[in-house]
N, C-alpha and C. Protein backbone atom coordinates (compact mmCIF):
# COMPACT_ATOMS: atom_id res chain seq x y z
N UNK A 1 -14.17 -13.31 6.77
CA UNK A 1 -13.95 -14.09 7.95
C UNK A 1 -14.01 -13.17 9.17
N UNK A 2 -14.68 -13.61 10.19
CA UNK A 2 -14.81 -12.83 11.41
C UNK A 2 -13.60 -13.06 12.31
N UNK A 3 -12.94 -11.97 12.73
CA UNK A 3 -11.78 -12.05 13.61
C UNK A 3 -12.18 -11.94 15.08
N UNK A 4 -13.05 -10.98 15.37
CA UNK A 4 -13.50 -10.72 16.74
C UNK A 4 -15.00 -10.44 16.68
N UNK A 5 -15.57 -10.06 17.80
CA UNK A 5 -17.00 -9.73 17.83
C UNK A 5 -17.36 -8.64 16.83
N UNK A 6 -16.45 -7.70 16.59
CA UNK A 6 -16.78 -6.55 15.76
C UNK A 6 -15.90 -6.33 14.54
N UNK A 7 -14.88 -7.13 14.35
CA UNK A 7 -13.99 -6.94 13.20
C UNK A 7 -13.95 -8.18 12.33
N UNK A 8 -13.89 -7.94 11.01
CA UNK A 8 -13.79 -9.05 10.07
C UNK A 8 -12.67 -8.76 9.06
N UNK A 9 -12.31 -9.76 8.30
CA UNK A 9 -11.16 -9.66 7.40
C UNK A 9 -11.34 -8.57 6.34
N UNK A 10 -12.56 -8.33 5.89
CA UNK A 10 -12.78 -7.33 4.84
C UNK A 10 -12.32 -5.93 5.27
N UNK A 11 -12.41 -5.65 6.56
CA UNK A 11 -12.03 -4.32 7.05
C UNK A 11 -10.52 -4.09 6.95
N UNK A 12 -9.75 -5.15 6.89
CA UNK A 12 -8.30 -5.04 6.89
C UNK A 12 -7.67 -5.39 5.55
N UNK A 13 -8.50 -5.67 4.54
CA UNK A 13 -8.02 -6.06 3.21
C UNK A 13 -7.22 -4.93 2.58
N UNK A 14 -6.14 -5.28 1.93
CA UNK A 14 -5.28 -4.31 1.25
C UNK A 14 -6.10 -3.53 0.22
N UNK A 15 -5.82 -2.25 0.11
CA UNK A 15 -6.50 -1.39 -0.85
C UNK A 15 -6.25 -1.75 -2.31
N UNK A 16 -5.26 -2.60 -2.57
CA UNK A 16 -5.00 -3.01 -3.96
C UNK A 16 -6.08 -3.99 -4.43
N UNK A 17 -6.83 -4.55 -3.47
CA UNK A 17 -7.91 -5.48 -3.81
C UNK A 17 -7.47 -6.90 -4.04
N UNK A 18 -6.18 -7.18 -3.91
CA UNK A 18 -5.67 -8.53 -4.16
C UNK A 18 -5.29 -9.26 -2.88
N UNK A 19 -4.88 -8.54 -1.87
CA UNK A 19 -4.37 -9.15 -0.62
C UNK A 19 -5.49 -9.20 0.43
N UNK A 20 -5.75 -10.35 0.96
CA UNK A 20 -6.80 -10.47 1.97
C UNK A 20 -6.28 -11.21 3.20
N UNK A 21 -6.91 -10.94 4.33
CA UNK A 21 -6.70 -11.70 5.56
C UNK A 21 -5.24 -11.77 5.98
N UNK A 22 -4.50 -10.67 5.78
CA UNK A 22 -3.11 -10.63 6.23
C UNK A 22 -3.04 -9.58 7.34
N UNK A 23 -3.44 -9.98 8.53
CA UNK A 23 -3.46 -9.07 9.66
C UNK A 23 -3.08 -9.84 10.91
N UNK A 24 -2.34 -9.22 11.78
CA UNK A 24 -1.90 -9.85 13.01
C UNK A 24 -3.08 -9.97 13.97
N UNK A 25 -3.38 -11.18 14.37
CA UNK A 25 -4.56 -11.41 15.23
C UNK A 25 -4.42 -10.77 16.61
N UNK A 26 -3.21 -10.74 17.17
CA UNK A 26 -3.02 -10.07 18.46
C UNK A 26 -3.34 -8.59 18.35
N UNK A 27 -2.93 -7.98 17.24
CA UNK A 27 -3.23 -6.57 17.01
C UNK A 27 -4.75 -6.35 16.93
N UNK A 28 -5.44 -7.20 16.19
CA UNK A 28 -6.89 -7.07 16.07
C UNK A 28 -7.57 -7.27 17.43
N UNK A 29 -7.06 -8.19 18.22
CA UNK A 29 -7.63 -8.40 19.56
C UNK A 29 -7.47 -7.15 20.42
N UNK A 30 -6.34 -6.46 20.27
CA UNK A 30 -6.14 -5.21 21.00
C UNK A 30 -7.11 -4.14 20.49
N UNK A 31 -7.29 -4.07 19.16
CA UNK A 31 -8.28 -3.13 18.61
C UNK A 31 -9.68 -3.42 19.14
N UNK A 32 -10.01 -4.69 19.32
CA UNK A 32 -11.32 -5.05 19.85
C UNK A 32 -11.50 -4.51 21.28
N UNK A 33 -10.45 -4.61 22.09
CA UNK A 33 -10.52 -4.07 23.45
C UNK A 33 -10.78 -2.56 23.41
N UNK A 34 -10.10 -1.89 22.49
CA UNK A 34 -10.29 -0.44 22.34
C UNK A 34 -11.71 -0.16 21.88
N UNK A 35 -12.19 -0.93 20.91
CA UNK A 35 -13.53 -0.73 20.39
C UNK A 35 -14.59 -0.97 21.46
N UNK A 36 -14.36 -1.92 22.35
CA UNK A 36 -15.31 -2.19 23.44
C UNK A 36 -15.52 -0.95 24.29
N UNK A 37 -14.49 -0.12 24.44
CA UNK A 37 -14.60 1.10 25.23
C UNK A 37 -14.97 2.32 24.38
N UNK A 38 -14.54 2.32 23.13
CA UNK A 38 -14.71 3.49 22.26
C UNK A 38 -16.06 3.51 21.54
N UNK A 39 -16.53 2.33 21.15
CA UNK A 39 -17.73 2.23 20.34
C UNK A 39 -17.36 1.92 18.90
N UNK A 40 -18.32 2.00 17.98
CA UNK A 40 -18.06 1.64 16.58
C UNK A 40 -16.88 2.39 15.99
N UNK A 41 -16.11 1.66 15.18
CA UNK A 41 -14.93 2.22 14.51
C UNK A 41 -14.98 1.85 13.05
N UNK A 42 -14.53 2.76 12.19
CA UNK A 42 -14.42 2.46 10.76
C UNK A 42 -12.96 2.44 10.37
N UNK A 43 -12.47 1.26 9.99
CA UNK A 43 -11.09 1.11 9.54
C UNK A 43 -11.00 1.61 8.10
N UNK A 44 -10.14 2.59 7.85
CA UNK A 44 -9.98 3.10 6.49
C UNK A 44 -8.76 2.51 5.80
N UNK A 45 -7.83 1.97 6.57
CA UNK A 45 -6.66 1.30 6.01
C UNK A 45 -6.14 0.30 7.02
N UNK A 46 -6.05 -0.95 6.59
CA UNK A 46 -5.51 -2.01 7.45
C UNK A 46 -4.21 -2.51 6.85
N UNK A 47 -4.23 -3.74 6.39
CA UNK A 47 -3.04 -4.31 5.76
C UNK A 47 -2.77 -3.60 4.43
N UNK A 48 -1.49 -3.42 4.12
CA UNK A 48 -1.07 -2.89 2.81
C UNK A 48 0.10 -3.73 2.30
N UNK A 49 -0.01 -4.18 1.07
CA UNK A 49 1.14 -4.82 0.44
C UNK A 49 2.16 -3.72 0.12
N UNK A 50 3.37 -4.10 -0.21
CA UNK A 50 4.42 -3.13 -0.49
C UNK A 50 4.04 -2.17 -1.61
N UNK A 51 3.46 -2.70 -2.69
CA UNK A 51 3.09 -1.85 -3.82
C UNK A 51 2.02 -0.82 -3.44
N UNK A 52 0.99 -1.27 -2.73
CA UNK A 52 -0.07 -0.34 -2.33
C UNK A 52 0.45 0.68 -1.33
N UNK A 53 1.30 0.24 -0.42
CA UNK A 53 1.88 1.15 0.56
C UNK A 53 2.65 2.27 -0.15
N UNK A 54 3.42 1.92 -1.17
CA UNK A 54 4.15 2.93 -1.95
C UNK A 54 3.18 3.86 -2.65
N UNK A 55 2.11 3.29 -3.21
CA UNK A 55 1.13 4.08 -3.96
C UNK A 55 0.44 5.13 -3.09
N UNK A 56 0.26 4.84 -1.81
CA UNK A 56 -0.42 5.79 -0.93
C UNK A 56 0.57 6.65 -0.14
N UNK A 57 1.85 6.51 -0.43
CA UNK A 57 2.86 7.33 0.23
C UNK A 57 3.21 6.89 1.63
N UNK A 58 3.00 5.61 1.93
CA UNK A 58 3.32 5.08 3.26
C UNK A 58 4.81 4.97 3.50
N UNK A 59 5.18 4.91 4.75
CA UNK A 59 6.57 4.76 5.14
C UNK A 59 7.15 3.43 4.65
N UNK A 60 8.43 3.42 4.34
CA UNK A 60 9.08 2.18 3.91
C UNK A 60 9.07 1.12 5.02
N UNK A 61 8.91 1.56 6.27
CA UNK A 61 8.89 0.64 7.41
C UNK A 61 7.49 0.55 8.01
N UNK A 62 6.48 0.87 7.23
CA UNK A 62 5.10 0.93 7.72
C UNK A 62 4.65 -0.38 8.37
N UNK A 63 4.05 -0.25 9.52
CA UNK A 63 3.48 -1.42 10.19
C UNK A 63 2.24 -1.94 9.47
N UNK A 64 1.68 -1.15 8.56
CA UNK A 64 0.58 -1.64 7.73
C UNK A 64 1.05 -2.84 6.91
N UNK A 65 2.30 -2.82 6.45
CA UNK A 65 2.82 -3.93 5.63
C UNK A 65 3.07 -5.18 6.46
N UNK A 66 3.08 -5.04 7.77
CA UNK A 66 3.25 -6.19 8.66
C UNK A 66 1.90 -6.71 9.16
N UNK A 67 0.83 -6.01 8.79
CA UNK A 67 -0.49 -6.39 9.29
C UNK A 67 -0.68 -6.02 10.75
N UNK A 68 0.03 -4.98 11.18
CA UNK A 68 0.01 -4.58 12.58
C UNK A 68 -0.31 -3.10 12.75
N UNK A 69 -1.17 -2.58 11.85
CA UNK A 69 -1.54 -1.17 11.91
C UNK A 69 -2.93 -0.98 11.30
N UNK A 70 -3.59 0.08 11.75
CA UNK A 70 -4.89 0.44 11.19
C UNK A 70 -5.08 1.94 11.30
N UNK A 71 -5.69 2.52 10.27
CA UNK A 71 -6.12 3.91 10.31
C UNK A 71 -7.62 3.89 10.56
N UNK A 72 -8.06 4.72 11.50
CA UNK A 72 -9.45 4.72 11.93
C UNK A 72 -10.04 6.10 11.68
N UNK A 73 -11.13 6.14 10.94
CA UNK A 73 -11.82 7.39 10.66
C UNK A 73 -12.25 8.03 11.97
N UNK A 74 -11.85 9.27 12.16
CA UNK A 74 -12.17 9.93 13.43
C UNK A 74 -11.94 11.43 13.24
N UNK A 75 -13.01 12.19 13.09
CA UNK A 75 -12.87 13.60 12.78
C UNK A 75 -13.08 14.53 13.97
N UNK A 76 -13.96 14.17 14.90
CA UNK A 76 -14.26 15.10 15.99
C UNK A 76 -13.19 15.01 17.08
N UNK A 77 -12.80 16.17 17.61
CA UNK A 77 -11.73 16.19 18.60
C UNK A 77 -12.06 15.43 19.88
N UNK A 78 -13.24 15.50 20.43
CA UNK A 78 -13.50 14.70 21.63
C UNK A 78 -13.29 13.19 21.37
N UNK A 79 -13.74 12.71 20.22
CA UNK A 79 -13.56 11.28 19.88
C UNK A 79 -12.09 10.98 19.59
N UNK A 80 -11.39 11.90 18.93
CA UNK A 80 -9.97 11.70 18.65
C UNK A 80 -9.18 11.58 19.95
N UNK A 81 -9.47 12.47 20.88
CA UNK A 81 -8.77 12.44 22.17
C UNK A 81 -9.03 11.11 22.88
N UNK A 82 -10.26 10.66 22.89
CA UNK A 82 -10.59 9.38 23.52
C UNK A 82 -9.84 8.24 22.84
N UNK A 83 -9.82 8.22 21.51
CA UNK A 83 -9.13 7.15 20.79
C UNK A 83 -7.62 7.19 21.05
N UNK A 84 -7.04 8.37 21.11
CA UNK A 84 -5.62 8.51 21.45
C UNK A 84 -5.35 7.94 22.83
N UNK A 85 -6.18 8.31 23.80
CA UNK A 85 -6.01 7.81 25.17
C UNK A 85 -6.12 6.28 25.23
N UNK A 86 -7.09 5.73 24.53
CA UNK A 86 -7.27 4.28 24.55
C UNK A 86 -6.12 3.57 23.84
N UNK A 87 -5.65 4.12 22.73
CA UNK A 87 -4.51 3.52 22.04
C UNK A 87 -3.30 3.45 22.96
N UNK A 88 -3.01 4.53 23.65
CA UNK A 88 -1.88 4.55 24.57
C UNK A 88 -2.13 3.63 25.77
N UNK A 89 -3.35 3.61 26.26
CA UNK A 89 -3.69 2.73 27.39
C UNK A 89 -3.37 1.27 27.06
N UNK A 90 -3.62 0.87 25.83
CA UNK A 90 -3.39 -0.52 25.43
C UNK A 90 -2.02 -0.72 24.78
N UNK A 91 -1.12 0.25 24.96
CA UNK A 91 0.27 0.07 24.57
C UNK A 91 0.58 0.23 23.10
N UNK A 92 -0.29 0.89 22.36
CA UNK A 92 -0.06 1.07 20.93
C UNK A 92 0.58 2.42 20.64
N UNK A 93 1.14 2.53 19.44
CA UNK A 93 1.60 3.82 18.95
C UNK A 93 0.41 4.51 18.29
N UNK A 94 0.31 5.79 18.50
CA UNK A 94 -0.79 6.58 17.98
C UNK A 94 -0.24 7.60 16.99
N UNK A 95 -0.85 7.65 15.83
CA UNK A 95 -0.50 8.65 14.83
C UNK A 95 -1.69 9.55 14.58
N UNK A 96 -1.43 10.83 14.48
CA UNK A 96 -2.48 11.81 14.26
C UNK A 96 -2.49 12.19 12.79
N UNK A 97 -3.54 11.85 12.10
CA UNK A 97 -3.69 12.20 10.70
C UNK A 97 -4.86 13.14 10.51
N UNK A 98 -4.99 13.67 9.34
CA UNK A 98 -6.09 14.59 9.04
C UNK A 98 -7.36 13.75 8.86
N UNK A 99 -8.21 13.76 9.88
CA UNK A 99 -9.47 13.02 9.82
C UNK A 99 -9.38 11.56 10.23
N UNK A 100 -8.19 11.12 10.62
CA UNK A 100 -8.05 9.73 11.07
C UNK A 100 -7.02 9.63 12.18
N UNK A 101 -7.10 8.53 12.91
CA UNK A 101 -6.10 8.19 13.91
C UNK A 101 -5.46 6.89 13.46
N UNK A 102 -4.14 6.86 13.45
CA UNK A 102 -3.38 5.67 13.10
C UNK A 102 -3.00 4.96 14.39
N UNK A 103 -3.22 3.65 14.45
CA UNK A 103 -2.78 2.84 15.59
C UNK A 103 -1.91 1.72 15.05
N UNK A 104 -0.78 1.48 15.72
CA UNK A 104 0.03 0.32 15.34
C UNK A 104 0.66 -0.28 16.58
N UNK A 105 1.30 -1.43 16.40
CA UNK A 105 1.74 -2.23 17.53
C UNK A 105 3.10 -1.84 18.11
N UNK A 106 3.70 -0.74 17.62
CA UNK A 106 4.88 -0.23 18.33
C UNK A 106 4.41 0.21 19.71
N UNK A 107 5.31 0.31 20.64
CA UNK A 107 4.89 0.62 22.01
C UNK A 107 4.86 2.10 22.33
N UNK A 108 3.69 2.56 22.72
CA UNK A 108 3.44 3.88 23.29
C UNK A 108 4.27 5.02 22.72
N UNK A 109 4.03 5.33 21.48
CA UNK A 109 4.65 6.49 20.86
C UNK A 109 3.54 7.35 20.26
N UNK A 110 3.84 8.60 20.04
CA UNK A 110 2.90 9.45 19.32
C UNK A 110 3.65 9.96 18.09
N UNK A 111 3.06 9.77 16.92
CA UNK A 111 3.66 10.21 15.66
C UNK A 111 2.63 11.04 14.91
N UNK A 112 3.08 11.85 13.97
CA UNK A 112 2.19 12.70 13.22
C UNK A 112 2.18 12.30 11.75
N UNK A 113 1.00 12.28 11.15
CA UNK A 113 0.83 11.85 9.76
C UNK A 113 0.23 12.95 8.89
N UNK A 114 0.38 14.19 9.25
CA UNK A 114 -0.20 15.27 8.44
C UNK A 114 0.62 15.49 7.21
């Protein structure tokens, strides 16, 4: 199912392969605004059920389990910096991971995921 011009439900499907289309639409709309300025994005983790979140070592309070978080593949520093700036511009929390940027709907925080 298509959520926005550039995002569809498959991109946010839980990695367990059983949970689909459990994502906050306001969050996806914010991601679309970021994508409009950033360019193509590859979501590596969207929604996570509790079991999958535990399996990947996610936080017990992970916004992924609420359908309000996404990890975006992003390896080059110029692109990472731009994505960090855009995430903060649109009021999201930004997490810095190895090779990815985490965005979630908490307000303007920077967290580390290394």
